[in-house]
C-alpha atoms as a PDB file:
ATOM      1  CA  UNK A   1     -28.138  20.903 -50.268  1.00  0.00           C
ATOM      2  CA  UNK A   2     -26.847  17.382 -50.560  1.00  0.00           C
ATOM      3  CA  UNK A   3     -23.290  16.115 -50.621  1.00  0.00           C
ATOM      4  CA  UNK A   4     -23.807  14.909 -54.211  1.00  0.00           C
ATOM      5  CA  UNK A   5     -21.885  16.666 -56.929  1.00  0.00           C
ATOM      6  CA  UNK A   6     -23.922  19.114 -59.000  1.00  0.00           C
ATOM      7  CA  UNK A   7     -22.234  19.320 -62.424  1.00  0.00           C
ATOM      8  CA  UNK A   8     -24.513  22.122 -63.647  1.00  0.00           C
ATOM      9  CA  UNK A   9     -23.916  24.174 -60.531  1.00  0.00           C
ATOM     10  CA  UNK A  10     -20.162  23.657 -60.688  1.00  0.00           C
ATOM     11  CA  UNK A  11     -20.084  24.564 -64.364  1.00  0.00           C
ATOM     12  CA  UNK A  12     -22.063  27.739 -63.675  1.00  0.00           C
ATOM     13  CA  UNK A  13     -19.789  28.703 -60.797  1.00  0.00           C
ATOM     14  CA  UNK A  14     -16.658  28.148 -62.901  1.00  0.00           C
ATOM     15  CA  UNK A  15     -18.097  30.162 -65.769  1.00  0.00           C
ATOM     16  CA  UNK A  16     -18.968  33.102 -63.505  1.00  0.00           C
ATOM     17  CA  UNK A  17     -15.523  32.985 -61.896  1.00  0.00           C
ATOM     18  CA  UNK A  18     -13.861  32.944 -65.319  1.00  0.00           C
ATOM     19  CA  UNK A  19     -16.018  35.809 -66.556  1.00  0.00           C
ATOM     20  CA  UNK A  20     -15.176  37.900 -63.500  1.00  0.00           C
ATOM     21  CA  UNK A  21     -11.476  37.290 -63.989  1.00  0.00           C
ATOM     22  CA  UNK A  22     -11.785  38.202 -67.683  1.00  0.00           C
ATOM     23  CA  UNK A  23     -13.497  41.469 -66.745  1.00  0.00           C
ATOM     24  CA  UNK A  24     -10.679  42.236 -64.309  1.00  0.00           C
ATOM     25  CA  UNK A  25      -7.995  41.428 -66.884  1.00  0.00           C
ATOM     26  CA  UNK A  26      -9.760  43.711 -69.364  1.00  0.00           C
ATOM     27  CA  UNK A  27      -9.656  46.505 -66.785  1.00  0.00           C
ATOM     28  CA  UNK A  28     -13.441  46.773 -66.633  1.00  0.00           C
ATOM     29  CA  UNK A  29     -13.877  45.912 -62.949  1.00  0.00           C
ATOM     30  CA  UNK A  30     -11.629  45.776 -59.899  1.00  0.00           C
ATOM     31  CA  UNK A  31     -11.511  44.222 -56.480  1.00  0.00           C
ATOM     32  CA  UNK A  32     -14.066  46.619 -55.010  1.00  0.00           C
ATOM     33  CA  UNK A  33     -16.635  45.749 -57.656  1.00  0.00           C
ATOM     34  CA  UNK A  34     -16.086  42.045 -57.150  1.00  0.00           C
ATOM     35  CA  UNK A  35     -16.350  42.392 -53.382  1.00  0.00           C
ATOM     36  CA  UNK A  36     -19.589  44.393 -53.735  1.00  0.00           C
ATOM     37  CA  UNK A  37     -21.146  41.851 -56.061  1.00  0.00           C
ATOM     38  CA  UNK A  38     -20.242  39.007 -53.725  1.00  0.00           C
ATOM     39  CA  UNK A  39     -21.656  40.859 -50.727  1.00  0.00           C
ATOM     40  CA  UNK A  40     -24.943  41.264 -52.644  1.00  0.00           C
ATOM     41  CA  UNK A  41     -25.064  37.544 -53.467  1.00  0.00           C
ATOM     42  CA  UNK A  42     -24.395  36.603 -49.844  1.00  0.00           C
ATOM     43  CA  UNK A  43     -27.075  38.998 -48.576  1.00  0.00           C
ATOM     44  CA  UNK A  44     -29.587  37.462 -50.993  1.00  0.00           C
ATOM     45  CA  UNK A  45     -28.794  33.937 -49.808  1.00  0.00           C
ATOM     46  CA  UNK A  46     -29.025  34.960 -46.152  1.00  0.00           C
ATOM     47  CA  UNK A  47     -32.474  36.462 -46.764  1.00  0.00           C
ATOM     48  CA  UNK A  48     -34.015  33.193 -48.029  1.00  0.00           C
ATOM     49  CA  UNK A  49     -36.840  31.669 -45.999  1.00  0.00           C
ATOM     50  CA  UNK A  50     -36.022  29.228 -43.215  1.00  0.00           C
ATOM     51  CA  UNK A  51     -37.011  26.178 -45.288  1.00  0.00           C
ATOM     52  CA  UNK A  52     -34.160  26.968 -47.667  1.00  0.00           C
ATOM     53  CA  UNK A  53     -31.644  27.746 -44.934  1.00  0.00           C
ATOM     54  CA  UNK A  54     -29.374  24.689 -45.458  1.00  0.00           C
ATOM     55  CA  UNK A  55     -29.173  25.312 -49.207  1.00  0.00           C
ATOM     56  CA  UNK A  56     -28.541  29.024 -48.648  1.00  0.00           C
ATOM     57  CA  UNK A  57     -25.726  28.334 -46.174  1.00  0.00           C
ATOM     58  CA  UNK A  58     -24.067  25.811 -48.487  1.00  0.00           C
ATOM     59  CA  UNK A  59     -24.324  28.250 -51.390  1.00  0.00           C
ATOM     60  CA  UNK A  60     -22.914  31.050 -49.222  1.00  0.00           C
ATOM     61  CA  UNK A  61     -19.893  28.865 -48.339  1.00  0.00           C
ATOM     62  CA  UNK A  62     -19.251  28.173 -52.041  1.00  0.00           C
ATOM     63  CA  UNK A  63     -19.585  31.859 -52.911  1.00  0.00           C
ATOM     64  CA  UNK A  64     -17.211  32.795 -50.073  1.00  0.00           C
ATOM     65  CA  UNK A  65     -14.586  30.281 -51.247  1.00  0.00           C
ATOM     66  CA  UNK A  66     -14.933  31.563 -54.807  1.00  0.00           C
ATOM     67  CA  UNK A  67     -14.617  35.146 -53.570  1.00  0.00           C
ATOM     68  CA  UNK A  68     -11.455  34.293 -51.676  1.00  0.00           C
ATOM     69  CA  UNK A  69      -9.932  32.852 -54.855  1.00  0.00           C
ATOM     70  CA  UNK A  70     -11.034  35.785 -56.986  1.00  0.00           C
ATOM     71  CA  UNK A  71      -9.972  38.491 -54.557  1.00  0.00           C
ATOM     72  CA  UNK A  72      -6.612  36.768 -54.064  1.00  0.00           C
ATOM     73  CA  UNK A  73      -6.061  36.830 -57.857  1.00  0.00           C
ATOM     74  CA  UNK A  74      -7.147  40.425 -58.397  1.00  0.00           C
ATOM     75  CA  UNK A  75      -4.767  43.280 -57.781  1.00  0.00           C
ATOM     76  CA  UNK A  76      -6.426  46.057 -55.821  1.00  0.00           C
ATOM     77  CA  UNK A  77      -6.981  49.111 -58.015  1.00  0.00           C
ATOM     78  CA  UNK A  78      -5.609  52.270 -56.528  1.00  0.00           C
ATOM     79  CA  UNK A  79      -7.955  55.204 -56.412  1.00  0.00           C
ATOM     80  CA  UNK A  80      -6.590  58.551 -57.532  1.00  0.00           C
ATOM     81  CA  UNK A  81      -6.605  59.818 -53.948  1.00  0.00           C
ATOM     82  CA  UNK A  82      -4.470  56.816 -52.896  1.00  0.00           C
ATOM     83  CA  UNK A  83      -1.699  57.749 -55.285  1.00  0.00           C
ATOM     84  CA  UNK A  84       1.328  59.569 -53.915  1.00  0.00           C
END
């Protein structure tokens, strides 16, 4: 991956982040679902062939930063067994 800006990639990342936040706000998904989805994405990028390693690592860093923002903005849903 180069240091050049990728407008299409950034637009896609922002759209996905916005959609995930909208799903949370609608009560359709919670922090656990977001974390699971992000773990799947990271595992996929880590499994890419060696020739794509630099791109996969750069993508994983972006996904991780996005995850940190999303998970920081999402209240953790309490499971029924967690309730007093």
